[in-house]
PDB file of all heavy atoms in Angstrom:
ATOM      1  N   VAL A   1    -117.881 -34.496-105.339  1.00  0.00           N
ATOM      2  CA  VAL A   1    -117.351 -35.676-106.005  1.00  0.00           C
ATOM      3  C   VAL A   1    -118.329 -36.789-105.760  1.00  0.00           C
ATOM      4  O   VAL A   1    -118.709 -37.078-104.590  1.00  0.00           O
ATOM      5  CB  VAL A   1    -115.975 -36.050-105.475  1.00  0.00           C
ATOM      6  CG1 VAL A   1    -115.436 -37.274-106.337  1.00  0.00           C
ATOM      7  CG2 VAL A   1    -115.022 -34.856-105.624  1.00  0.00           C
ATOM      8  N   HIS A   2    -118.742 -37.461-106.849  1.00  0.00           N
ATOM      9  CA  HIS A   2    -119.698 -38.643-106.606  1.00  0.00           C
ATOM     10  C   HIS A   2    -119.225 -39.852-107.505  1.00  0.00           C
ATOM     11  O   HIS A   2    -118.638 -39.666-108.594  1.00  0.00           O
ATOM     12  CB  HIS A   2    -121.143 -38.203-106.890  1.00  0.00           C
ATOM     13  CG  HIS A   2    -121.427 -37.772-108.293  1.00  0.00           C
ATOM     14  ND1 HIS A   2    -121.793 -38.554-109.350  1.00  0.00           N
ATOM     15  CD2 HIS A   2    -121.259 -36.497-108.859  1.00  0.00           C
ATOM     16  CE1 HIS A   2    -121.876 -37.849-110.395  1.00  0.00           C
ATOM     17  NE2 HIS A   2    -121.642 -36.635-110.192  1.00  0.00           N
ATOM     18  N   LEU A   3    -119.556 -40.968-107.046  1.00  0.00           N
ATOM     19  CA  LEU A   3    -119.248 -42.187-107.743  1.00  0.00           C
ATOM     20  C   LEU A   3    -120.073 -42.312-109.050  1.00  0.00           C
ATOM     21  O   LEU A   3    -121.238 -42.023-109.063  1.00  0.00           O
ATOM     22  CB  LEU A   3    -119.510 -43.408-106.850  1.00  0.00           C
ATOM     23  CG  LEU A   3    -118.612 -43.454-105.603  1.00  0.00           C
ATOM     24  CD1 LEU A   3    -119.240 -44.419-104.521  1.00  0.00           C
ATOM     25  CD2 LEU A   3    -117.219 -43.925-105.972  1.00  0.00           C
ATOM     26  N   THR A   4    -119.446 -42.880-109.992  1.00  0.00           N
ATOM     27  CA  THR A   4    -120.193 -43.328-111.228  1.00  0.00           C
ATOM     28  C   THR A   4    -120.535 -44.787-111.036  1.00  0.00           C
ATOM     29  O   THR A   4    -120.126 -45.397-110.020  1.00  0.00           O
ATOM     30  CB  THR A   4    -119.257 -43.173-112.458  1.00  0.00           C
ATOM     31  OG1 THR A   4    -118.145 -44.026-112.317  1.00  0.00           O
ATOM     32  CG2 THR A   4    -118.769 -41.702-112.734  1.00  0.00           C
ATOM     33  N   GLN A   5    -121.231 -45.298-111.982  1.00  0.00           N
ATOM     34  CA  GLN A   5    -121.607 -46.702-111.886  1.00  0.00           C
ATOM     35  C   GLN A   5    -120.280 -47.567-111.855  1.00  0.00           C
ATOM     36  O   GLN A   5    -120.244 -48.518-111.097  1.00  0.00           O
ATOM     37  CB  GLN A   5    -122.525 -47.111-113.058  1.00  0.00           C
ATOM     38  CG  GLN A   5    -123.080 -48.539-112.905  1.00  0.00           C
ATOM     39  CD  GLN A   5    -123.945 -48.680-111.727  1.00  0.00           C
ATOM     40  OE1 GLN A   5    -124.675 -47.734-111.336  1.00  0.00           O
ATOM     41  NE2 GLN A   5    -123.916 -49.776-111.072  1.00  0.00           N
ATOM     42  N   LYS A   6    -119.370 -47.192-112.628  1.00  0.00           N
ATOM     43  CA  LYS A   6    -118.031 -47.922-112.668  1.00  0.00           C
ATOM     44  C   LYS A   6    -117.363 -47.844-111.312  1.00  0.00           C
ATOM     45  O   LYS A   6    -116.824 -48.856-110.816  1.00  0.00           O
ATOM     46  CB  LYS A   6    -117.073 -47.322-113.729  1.00  0.00           C
ATOM     47  CG  LYS A   6    -115.760 -48.000-113.761  1.00  0.00           C
ATOM     48  CD  LYS A   6    -114.915 -47.386-114.851  1.00  0.00           C
ATOM     49  CE  LYS A   6    -113.552 -48.074-114.918  1.00  0.00           C
ATOM     50  NZ  LYS A   6    -112.712 -47.465-116.006  1.00  0.00           N
ATOM     51  N   GLY A   7    -117.463 -46.601-110.653  1.00  0.00           N
ATOM     52  CA  GLY A   7    -116.838 -46.472-109.312  1.00  0.00           C
ATOM     53  C   GLY A   7    -117.556 -47.363-108.287  1.00  0.00           C
ATOM     54  O   GLY A   7    -116.905 -47.991-107.404  1.00  0.00           O
ATOM     55  N   ILE A   8    -118.873 -47.448-108.414  1.00  0.00           N
ATOM     56  CA  ILE A   8    -119.651 -48.291-107.483  1.00  0.00           C
ATOM     57  C   ILE A   8    -119.351 -49.754-107.709  1.00  0.00           C
ATOM     58  O   ILE A   8    -119.041 -50.514-106.753  1.00  0.00           O
ATOM     59  CB  ILE A   8    -121.114 -48.073-107.612  1.00  0.00           C
ATOM     60  CG1 ILE A   8    -121.477 -46.608-107.162  1.00  0.00           C
ATOM     61  CG2 ILE A   8    -121.983 -49.152-106.907  1.00  0.00           C
ATOM     62  CD1 ILE A   8    -122.873 -46.140-107.620  1.00  0.00           C
ATOM     63  N   GLU A   9    -119.302 -50.175-108.973  1.00  0.00           N
ATOM     64  CA  GLU A   9    -119.006 -51.564-109.325  1.00  0.00           C
ATOM     65  C   GLU A   9    -117.594 -52.012-108.993  1.00  0.00           C
ATOM     66  O   GLU A   9    -117.318 -53.191-108.789  1.00  0.00           O
ATOM     67  CB  GLU A   9    -119.308 -51.806-110.809  1.00  0.00           C
ATOM     68  CG  GLU A   9    -120.834 -51.718-111.094  1.00  0.00           C
ATOM     69  CD  GLU A   9    -121.141 -51.686-112.581  1.00  0.00           C
ATOM     70  OE1 GLU A   9    -120.125 -51.735-113.425  1.00  0.00           O
ATOM     71  OE2 GLU A   9    -122.314 -51.614-112.915  1.00  0.00           O
ATOM     72  N   HIS A  10    -116.639 -51.078-108.987  1.00  0.00           N
ATOM     73  CA  HIS A  10    -115.251 -51.404-108.711  1.00  0.00           C
ATOM     74  C   HIS A  10    -114.988 -51.774-107.196  1.00  0.00           C
ATOM     75  O   HIS A  10    -113.975 -52.194-106.904  1.00  0.00           O
ATOM     76  CB  HIS A  10    -114.328 -50.214-109.157  1.00  0.00           C
ATOM     77  CG  HIS A  10    -113.423 -50.590-110.194  1.00  0.00           C
ATOM     78  ND1 HIS A  10    -113.755 -51.042-111.411  1.00  0.00           N
ATOM     79  CD2 HIS A  10    -112.021 -50.653-110.149  1.00  0.00           C
ATOM     80  CE1 HIS A  10    -112.607 -51.290-112.099  1.00  0.00           C
ATOM     81  NE2 HIS A  10    -111.549 -51.046-111.379  1.00  0.00           N
ATOM     82  N   GLN A  11    -115.942 -51.519-106.327  1.00  0.00           N
ATOM     83  CA  GLN A  11    -115.749 -51.701-104.919  1.00  0.00           C
ATOM     84  C   GLN A  11    -115.304 -53.157-104.656  1.00  0.00           C
ATOM     85  O   GLN A  11    -114.297 -53.388-103.937  1.00  0.00           O
ATOM     86  CB  GLN A  11    -116.915 -51.345-104.093  1.00  0.00           C
ATOM     87  CG  GLN A  11    -116.739 -51.516-102.618  1.00  0.00           C
ATOM     88  CD  GLN A  11    -117.847 -50.972-101.744  1.00  0.00           C
ATOM     89  OE1 GLN A  11    -118.794 -50.436-102.230  1.00  0.00           O
ATOM     90  NE2 GLN A  11    -117.703 -51.189-100.453  1.00  0.00           N
ATOM     91  N   LYS A  12    -116.004 -54.100-105.216  1.00  0.00           N
ATOM     92  CA  LYS A  12    -115.699 -55.539-105.008  1.00  0.00           C
ATOM     93  C   LYS A  12    -114.339 -55.855-105.458  1.00  0.00           C
ATOM     94  O   LYS A  12    -113.577 -56.568-104.784  1.00  0.00           O
ATOM     95  CB  LYS A  12    -116.787 -56.432-105.634  1.00  0.00           C
ATOM     96  CG  LYS A  12    -116.608 -57.855-105.388  1.00  0.00           C
ATOM     97  CD  LYS A  12    -117.757 -58.717-105.920  1.00  0.00           C
ATOM     98  CE  LYS A  12    -117.602 -60.120-105.822  1.00  0.00           C
ATOM     99  NZ  LYS A  12    -116.933 -60.737-104.701  1.00  0.00           N
ATOM    100  N   LEU A  13    -113.936 -55.339-106.660  1.00  0.00           N
ATOM    101  CA  LEU A  13    -112.584 -55.575-107.179  1.00  0.00           C
ATOM    102  C   LEU A  13    -111.525 -54.997-106.313  1.00  0.00           C
ATOM    103  O   LEU A  13    -110.486 -55.655-106.052  1.00  0.00           O
ATOM    104  CB  LEU A  13    -112.529 -55.027-108.528  1.00  0.00           C
ATOM    105  CG  LEU A  13    -111.378 -55.525-109.448  1.00  0.00           C
ATOM    106  CD1 LEU A  13    -111.279 -56.999-109.500  1.00  0.00           C
ATOM    107  CD2 LEU A  13    -111.558 -54.901-110.844  1.00  0.00           C
ATOM    108  N   VAL A  14    -111.716 -53.790-105.824  1.00  0.00           N
ATOM    109  CA  VAL A  14    -110.739 -53.109-104.836  1.00  0.00           C
ATOM    110  C   VAL A  14    -110.638 -53.966-103.621  1.00  0.00           C
ATOM    111  O   VAL A  14    -109.538 -54.160-103.092  1.00  0.00           O
ATOM    112  CB  VAL A  14    -111.152 -51.664-104.589  1.00  0.00           C
ATOM    113  CG1 VAL A  14    -110.326 -51.135-103.483  1.00  0.00           C
ATOM    114  CG2 VAL A  14    -111.037 -50.835-105.896  1.00  0.00           C
ATOM    115  N   GLU A  15    -111.774 -54.337-103.113  1.00  0.00           N
ATOM    116  CA  GLU A  15    -111.740 -55.207-101.877  1.00  0.00           C
ATOM    117  C   GLU A  15    -110.895 -56.482-102.088  1.00  0.00           C
ATOM    118  O   GLU A  15    -110.125 -56.876-101.240  1.00  0.00           O
ATOM    119  CB  GLU A  15    -113.205 -55.597-101.374  1.00  0.00           C
ATOM    120  CG  GLU A  15    -113.909 -54.428-100.832  1.00  0.00           C
ATOM    121  CD  GLU A  15    -115.420 -54.684-100.575  1.00  0.00           C
ATOM    122  OE1 GLU A  15    -115.897 -55.817-100.904  1.00  0.00           O
ATOM    123  OE2 GLU A  15    -116.062 -53.788 -99.978  1.00  0.00           O
ATOM    124  N   GLU A  16    -111.105 -57.136-103.214  1.00  0.00           N
ATOM    125  CA  GLU A  16    -110.356 -58.323-103.564  1.00  0.00           C
ATOM    126  C   GLU A  16    -108.896 -58.081-103.566  1.00  0.00           C
ATOM    127  O   GLU A  16    -108.101 -58.817-103.020  1.00  0.00           O
ATOM    128  CB  GLU A  16    -110.808 -58.939-104.894  1.00  0.00           C
ATOM    129  CG  GLU A  16    -112.196 -59.526-104.760  1.00  0.00           C
ATOM    130  CD  GLU A  16    -112.789 -59.945-106.143  1.00  0.00           C
ATOM    131  OE1 GLU A  16    -112.037 -59.790-107.213  1.00  0.00           O
ATOM    132  OE2 GLU A  16    -113.910 -60.345-106.224  1.00  0.00           O
ATOM    133  N   LYS A  17    -108.476 -57.009-104.294  1.00  0.00           N
ATOM    134  CA  LYS A  17    -107.048 -56.646-104.404  1.00  0.00           C
ATOM    135  C   LYS A  17    -106.490 -56.212-103.065  1.00  0.00           C
ATOM    136  O   LYS A  17    -105.296 -56.589-102.723  1.00  0.00           O
ATOM    137  CB  LYS A  17    -106.821 -55.534-105.422  1.00  0.00           C
ATOM    138  CG  LYS A  17    -107.054 -56.025-106.854  1.00  0.00           C
ATOM    139  CD  LYS A  17    -106.157 -57.170-107.261  1.00  0.00           C
ATOM    140  CE  LYS A  17    -106.453 -57.645-108.661  1.00  0.00           C
ATOM    141  NZ  LYS A  17    -105.598 -58.834-108.993  1.00  0.00           N
ATOM    142  N   PHE A  18    -107.281 -55.551-102.250  1.00  0.00           N
ATOM    143  CA  PHE A  18    -106.850 -55.122-100.893  1.00  0.00           C
ATOM    144  C   PHE A  18    -106.527 -56.349-100.020  1.00  0.00           C
ATOM    145  O   PHE A  18    -105.541 -56.387 -99.427  1.00  0.00           O
ATOM    146  CB  PHE A  18    -107.986 -54.270-100.294  1.00  0.00           C
ATOM    147  CG  PHE A  18    -107.547 -53.193 -99.387  1.00  0.00           C
ATOM    148  CD1 PHE A  18    -107.390 -51.910 -99.843  1.00  0.00           C
ATOM    149  CD2 PHE A  18    -107.275 -53.497 -98.020  1.00  0.00           C
ATOM    150  CE1 PHE A  18    -106.970 -50.865 -98.948  1.00  0.00           C
ATOM    151  CE2 PHE A  18    -106.930 -52.487 -97.129  1.00  0.00           C
ATOM    152  CZ  PHE A  18    -106.750 -51.185 -97.584  1.00  0.00           C
ATOM    153  N   VAL A  19    -107.468 -57.298-100.082  1.00  0.00           N
ATOM    154  CA  VAL A  19    -107.248 -58.531 -99.288  1.00  0.00           C
ATOM    155  C   VAL A  19    -106.042 -59.269 -99.857  1.00  0.00           C
ATOM    156  O   VAL A  19    -105.259 -59.806 -99.055  1.00  0.00           O
ATOM    157  CB  VAL A  19    -108.562 -59.387 -99.302  1.00  0.00           C
ATOM    158  CG1 VAL A  19    -108.303 -60.786 -98.739  1.00  0.00           C
ATOM    159  CG2 VAL A  19    -109.665 -58.660 -98.562  1.00  0.00           C
ATOM    160  N   GLU A  20    -105.910 -59.417-101.154  1.00  0.00           N
ATOM    161  CA  GLU A  20    -104.721 -60.061-101.695  1.00  0.00           C
ATOM    162  C   GLU A  20    -103.495 -59.470-101.267  1.00  0.00           C
ATOM    163  O   GLU A  20    -102.514 -60.119-100.824  1.00  0.00           O
ATOM    164  CB  GLU A  20    -104.791 -59.999-103.259  1.00  0.00           C
ATOM    165  CG  GLU A  20    -105.610 -61.007-103.979  1.00  0.00           C
ATOM    166  CD  GLU A  20    -105.574 -60.798-105.521  1.00  0.00           C
ATOM    167  OE1 GLU A  20    -104.510 -60.297-106.000  1.00  0.00           O
ATOM    168  OE2 GLU A  20    -106.586 -61.100-106.101  1.00  0.00           O
ATOM    169  N   PHE A  21    -103.412 -58.098-101.292  1.00  0.00           N
ATOM    170  CA  PHE A  21    -102.249 -57.401-100.847  1.00  0.00           C
ATOM    171  C   PHE A  21    -101.889 -57.666 -99.474  1.00  0.00           C
ATOM    172  O   PHE A  21    -100.806 -57.944 -99.022  1.00  0.00           O
ATOM    173  CB  PHE A  21    -102.395 -55.903-101.186  1.00  0.00           C
ATOM    174  CG  PHE A  21    -101.229 -55.125-100.688  1.00  0.00           C
ATOM    175  CD1 PHE A  21    -100.049 -55.131-101.399  1.00  0.00           C
ATOM    176  CD2 PHE A  21    -101.196 -54.402 -99.494  1.00  0.00           C
ATOM    177  CE1 PHE A  21     -98.861 -54.447-100.905  1.00  0.00           C
ATOM    178  CE2 PHE A  21    -100.123 -53.662 -99.063  1.00  0.00           C
ATOM    179  CZ  PHE A  21     -98.922 -53.744 -99.737  1.00  0.00           C
ATOM    180  N   GLU A  22    -102.931 -57.461 -98.547  1.00  0.00           N
ATOM    181  CA  GLU A  22    -102.691 -57.700 -97.140  1.00  0.00           C
ATOM    182  C   GLU A  22    -102.306 -59.102 -96.819  1.00  0.00           C
ATOM    183  O   GLU A  22    -101.320 -59.339 -96.062  1.00  0.00           O
ATOM    184  CB  GLU A  22    -103.978 -57.420 -96.323  1.00  0.00           C
ATOM    185  CG  GLU A  22    -104.237 -55.979 -96.048  1.00  0.00           C
ATOM    186  CD  GLU A  22    -104.861 -55.707 -94.656  1.00  0.00           C
ATOM    187  OE1 GLU A  22    -105.127 -56.701 -93.937  1.00  0.00           O
ATOM    188  OE2 GLU A  22    -105.145 -54.598 -94.408  1.00  0.00           O
ATOM    189  N   THR A  23    -102.837 -60.090 -97.521  1.00  0.00           N
ATOM    190  CA  THR A  23    -102.455 -61.500 -97.338  1.00  0.00           C
ATOM    191  C   THR A  23    -100.993 -61.690 -97.758  1.00  0.00           C
ATOM    192  O   THR A  23    -100.190 -62.376 -97.046  1.00  0.00           O
ATOM    193  CB  THR A  23    -103.409 -62.379 -98.165  1.00  0.00           C
ATOM    194  OG1 THR A  23    -104.707 -62.184 -97.695  1.00  0.00           O
ATOM    195  CG2 THR A  23    -103.082 -63.832 -97.944  1.00  0.00           C
ATOM    196  N   GLU A  24    -100.631 -61.178 -98.897  1.00  0.00           N
ATOM    197  CA  GLU A  24     -99.202 -61.285 -99.409  1.00  0.00           C
ATOM    198  C   GLU A  24     -98.207 -60.587 -98.489  1.00  0.00           C
ATOM    199  O   GLU A  24     -97.204 -61.118 -98.094  1.00  0.00           O
ATOM    200  CB  GLU A  24     -99.115 -60.852-100.829  1.00  0.00           C
ATOM    201  CG  GLU A  24     -99.839 -61.710-101.823  1.00  0.00           C
ATOM    202  CD  GLU A  24    -100.038 -60.995-103.170  1.00  0.00           C
ATOM    203  OE1 GLU A  24     -99.416 -59.946-103.408  1.00  0.00           O
ATOM    204  OE2 GLU A  24    -100.812 -61.517-103.991  1.00  0.00           O
ATOM    205  N   PHE A  25     -98.543 -59.295 -98.233  1.00  0.00           N
ATOM    206  CA  PHE A  25     -97.561 -58.465 -97.540  1.00  0.00           C
ATOM    207  C   PHE A  25     -97.340 -58.837 -96.087  1.00  0.00           C
ATOM    208  O   PHE A  25     -96.268 -58.813 -95.596  1.00  0.00           O
ATOM    209  CB  PHE A  25     -97.981 -56.960 -97.563  1.00  0.00           C
ATOM    210  CG  PHE A  25     -96.933 -55.997 -97.360  1.00  0.00           C
ATOM    211  CD1 PHE A  25     -96.050 -55.588 -98.374  1.00  0.00           C
ATOM    212  CD2 PHE A  25     -96.667 -55.514 -96.056  1.00  0.00           C
ATOM    213  CE1 PHE A  25     -95.039 -54.722 -98.119  1.00  0.00           C
ATOM    214  CE2 PHE A  25     -95.598 -54.646 -95.819  1.00  0.00           C
ATOM    215  CZ  PHE A  25     -94.806 -54.199 -96.869  1.00  0.00           C
ATOM    216  N   PHE A  26     -98.375 -59.378 -95.440  1.00  0.00           N
ATOM    217  CA  PHE A  26     -98.225 -59.718 -94.004  1.00  0.00           C
ATOM    218  C   PHE A  26     -98.292 -61.273 -93.827  1.00  0.00           C
ATOM    219  O   PHE A  26     -98.552 -61.743 -92.728  1.00  0.00           O
ATOM    220  CB  PHE A  26     -99.394 -59.043 -93.218  1.00  0.00           C
ATOM    221  CG  PHE A  26     -99.278 -57.561 -93.233  1.00  0.00           C
ATOM    222  CD1 PHE A  26    -100.196 -56.865 -94.025  1.00  0.00           C
ATOM    223  CD2 PHE A  26     -98.363 -56.887 -92.512  1.00  0.00           C
ATOM    224  CE1 PHE A  26    -100.176 -55.456 -94.051  1.00  0.00           C
ATOM    225  CE2 PHE A  26     -98.281 -55.530 -92.556  1.00  0.00           C
ATOM    226  CZ  PHE A  26     -99.210 -54.775 -93.353  1.00  0.00           C
ATOM    227  N   SER A  27     -97.982 -62.035 -94.846  1.00  0.00           N
ATOM    228  CA  SER A  27     -98.105 -63.506 -94.823  1.00  0.00           C
ATOM    229  C   SER A  27     -97.194 -64.181 -93.787  1.00  0.00           C
ATOM    230  O   SER A  27     -97.502 -65.188 -93.287  1.00  0.00           O
ATOM    231  CB  SER A  27     -97.764 -64.026 -96.195  1.00  0.00           C
ATOM    232  OG  SER A  27     -96.392 -63.834 -96.513  1.00  0.00           O
ATOM    233  N   ASN A  28     -96.095 -63.528 -93.364  1.00  0.00           N
ATOM    234  CA  ASN A  28     -95.218 -64.165 -92.402  1.00  0.00           C
ATOM    235  C   ASN A  28     -95.528 -63.728 -90.960  1.00  0.00           C
ATOM    236  O   ASN A  28     -94.820 -64.085 -90.013  1.00  0.00           O
ATOM    237  CB  ASN A  28     -93.739 -63.866 -92.669  1.00  0.00           C
ATOM    238  CG  ASN A  28     -93.457 -62.400 -92.622  1.00  0.00           C
ATOM    239  OD1 ASN A  28     -94.282 -61.546 -92.716  1.00  0.00           O
ATOM    240  ND2 ASN A  28     -92.159 -62.126 -92.437  1.00  0.00           N
ATOM    241  N   LEU A  29     -96.761 -63.085 -90.767  1.00  0.00           N
ATOM    242  CA  LEU A  29     -97.105 -62.709 -89.439  1.00  0.00           C
ATOM    243  C   LEU A  29     -98.206 -63.581 -88.967  1.00  0.00           C
ATOM    244  O   LEU A  29     -99.130 -63.942 -89.724  1.00  0.00           O
ATOM    245  CB  LEU A  29     -97.576 -61.252 -89.340  1.00  0.00           C
ATOM    246  CG  LEU A  29     -96.521 -60.177 -89.686  1.00  0.00           C
ATOM    247  CD1 LEU A  29     -97.197 -58.775 -89.631  1.00  0.00           C
ATOM    248  CD2 LEU A  29     -95.324 -60.240 -88.747  1.00  0.00           C
ATOM    249  N   THR A  30     -98.282 -63.910 -87.654  1.00  0.00           N
ATOM    250  CA  THR A  30     -99.395 -64.595 -87.131  1.00  0.00           C
ATOM    251  C   THR A  30    -100.548 -63.667 -86.914  1.00  0.00           C
ATOM    252  O   THR A  30    -100.386 -62.407 -86.867  1.00  0.00           O
ATOM    253  CB  THR A  30     -99.039 -65.325 -85.783  1.00  0.00           C
ATOM    254  OG1 THR A  30     -98.839 -64.189 -84.825  1.00  0.00           O
ATOM    255  CG2 THR A  30     -97.819 -66.193 -85.926  1.00  0.00           C
ATOM    256  N   GLU A  31    -101.772 -64.147 -86.642  1.00  0.00           N
ATOM    257  CA  GLU A  31    -102.894 -63.264 -86.353  1.00  0.00           C
ATOM    258  C   GLU A  31    -102.666 -62.405 -85.099  1.00  0.00           C
ATOM    259  O   GLU A  31    -102.965 -61.186 -85.087  1.00  0.00           O
ATOM    260  CB  GLU A  31    -104.187 -64.082 -86.151  1.00  0.00           C
ATOM    261  CG  GLU A  31    -104.724 -64.726 -87.410  1.00  0.00           C
ATOM    262  CD  GLU A  31    -104.924 -63.686 -88.578  1.00  0.00           C
ATOM    263  OE1 GLU A  31    -105.531 -62.656 -88.335  1.00  0.00           O
ATOM    264  OE2 GLU A  31    -104.472 -63.931 -89.713  1.00  0.00           O
ATOM    265  N   THR A  32    -101.996 -62.990 -84.116  1.00  0.00           N
ATOM    266  CA  THR A  32    -101.644 -62.201 -82.908  1.00  0.00           C
ATOM    267  C   THR A  32    -100.632 -61.131 -83.170  1.00  0.00           C
ATOM    268  O   THR A  32    -100.803 -59.992 -82.769  1.00  0.00           O
ATOM    269  CB  THR A  32    -101.057 -63.180 -81.843  1.00  0.00           C
ATOM    270  OG1 THR A  32    -101.978 -64.215 -81.537  1.00  0.00           O
ATOM    271  CG2 THR A  32    -100.686 -62.422 -80.593  1.00  0.00           C
ATOM    272  N   GLU A  33     -99.601 -61.420 -84.051  1.00  0.00           N
ATOM    273  CA  GLU A  33     -98.648 -60.407 -84.427  1.00  0.00           C
ATOM    274  C   GLU A  33     -99.376 -59.272 -85.249  1.00  0.00           C
ATOM    275  O   GLU A  33     -99.002 -58.077 -85.090  1.00  0.00           O
ATOM    276  CB  GLU A  33     -97.526 -60.968 -85.232  1.00  0.00           C
ATOM    277  CG  GLU A  33     -96.624 -61.899 -84.413  1.00  0.00           C
ATOM    278  CD  GLU A  33     -95.674 -62.682 -85.233  1.00  0.00           C
ATOM    279  OE1 GLU A  33     -95.971 -63.081 -86.383  1.00  0.00           O
ATOM    280  OE2 GLU A  33     -94.504 -62.962 -84.736  1.00  0.00           O
ATOM    281  N   LYS A  34    -100.341 -59.583 -86.058  1.00  0.00           N
ATOM    282  CA  LYS A  34    -101.031 -58.593 -86.780  1.00  0.00           C
ATOM    283  C   LYS A  34    -101.826 -57.696 -85.886  1.00  0.00           C
ATOM    284  O   LYS A  34    -101.817 -56.506 -86.078  1.00  0.00           O
ATOM    285  CB  LYS A  34    -102.016 -59.234 -87.809  1.00  0.00           C
ATOM    286  CG  LYS A  34    -101.281 -59.889 -89.015  1.00  0.00           C
ATOM    287  CD  LYS A  34    -102.291 -60.578 -89.928  1.00  0.00           C
ATOM    288  CE  LYS A  34    -101.646 -61.490 -90.924  1.00  0.00           C
ATOM    289  NZ  LYS A  34    -102.584 -62.202 -91.719  1.00  0.00           N
ATOM    290  N   LEU A  35    -102.431 -58.241 -84.862  1.00  0.00           N
ATOM    291  CA  LEU A  35    -103.208 -57.434 -83.841  1.00  0.00           C
ATOM    292  C   LEU A  35    -102.278 -56.591 -83.125  1.00  0.00           C
ATOM    293  O   LEU A  35    -102.596 -55.395 -82.813  1.00  0.00           O
ATOM    294  CB  LEU A  35    -103.964 -58.363 -82.964  1.00  0.00           C
ATOM    295  CG  LEU A  35    -105.181 -59.117 -83.508  1.00  0.00           C
ATOM    296  CD1 LEU A  35    -105.723 -60.095 -82.534  1.00  0.00           C
ATOM    297  CD2 LEU A  35    -106.261 -58.100 -83.981  1.00  0.00           C
ATOM    298  N   ILE A  36    -101.086 -57.098 -82.723  1.00  0.00           N
ATOM    299  CA  ILE A  36    -100.097 -56.316 -82.014  1.00  0.00           C
ATOM    300  C   ILE A  36     -99.662 -55.078 -82.941  1.00  0.00           C
ATOM    301  O   ILE A  36     -99.551 -53.999 -82.444  1.00  0.00           O
ATOM    302  CB  ILE A  36     -98.974 -57.161 -81.521  1.00  0.00           C
ATOM    303  CG1 ILE A  36     -99.421 -58.083 -80.394  1.00  0.00           C
ATOM    304  CG2 ILE A  36     -97.756 -56.269 -81.051  1.00  0.00           C
ATOM    305  CD1 ILE A  36     -98.424 -59.207 -80.077  1.00  0.00           C
ATOM    306  N   LEU A  37     -99.378 -55.436 -84.155  1.00  0.00           N
ATOM    307  CA  LEU A  37     -98.939 -54.418 -85.106  1.00  0.00           C
ATOM    308  C   LEU A  37     -99.936 -53.292 -85.253  1.00  0.00           C
ATOM    309  O   LEU A  37     -99.598 -52.114 -85.263  1.00  0.00           O
ATOM    310  CB  LEU A  37     -98.615 -55.024 -86.480  1.00  0.00           C
ATOM    311  CG  LEU A  37     -98.015 -54.167 -87.547  1.00  0.00           C
ATOM    312  CD1 LEU A  37     -96.619 -53.657 -87.082  1.00  0.00           C
ATOM    313  CD2 LEU A  37     -97.872 -54.970 -88.848  1.00  0.00           C
TER     314      LEU A  37
END
C-alpha cells in the first residue's frame, strides 16, 4: 500500500482535524490532567 499525492497532501488537513478534535474533546482537562490520563 502506498500513498498517492492526495494521501500525502492530506496529512496537514488530518493533523489540523486531529488537533481540533483533541482540543474539543479534552477541553475541560488541564495539561497536568492530560499527562496523567
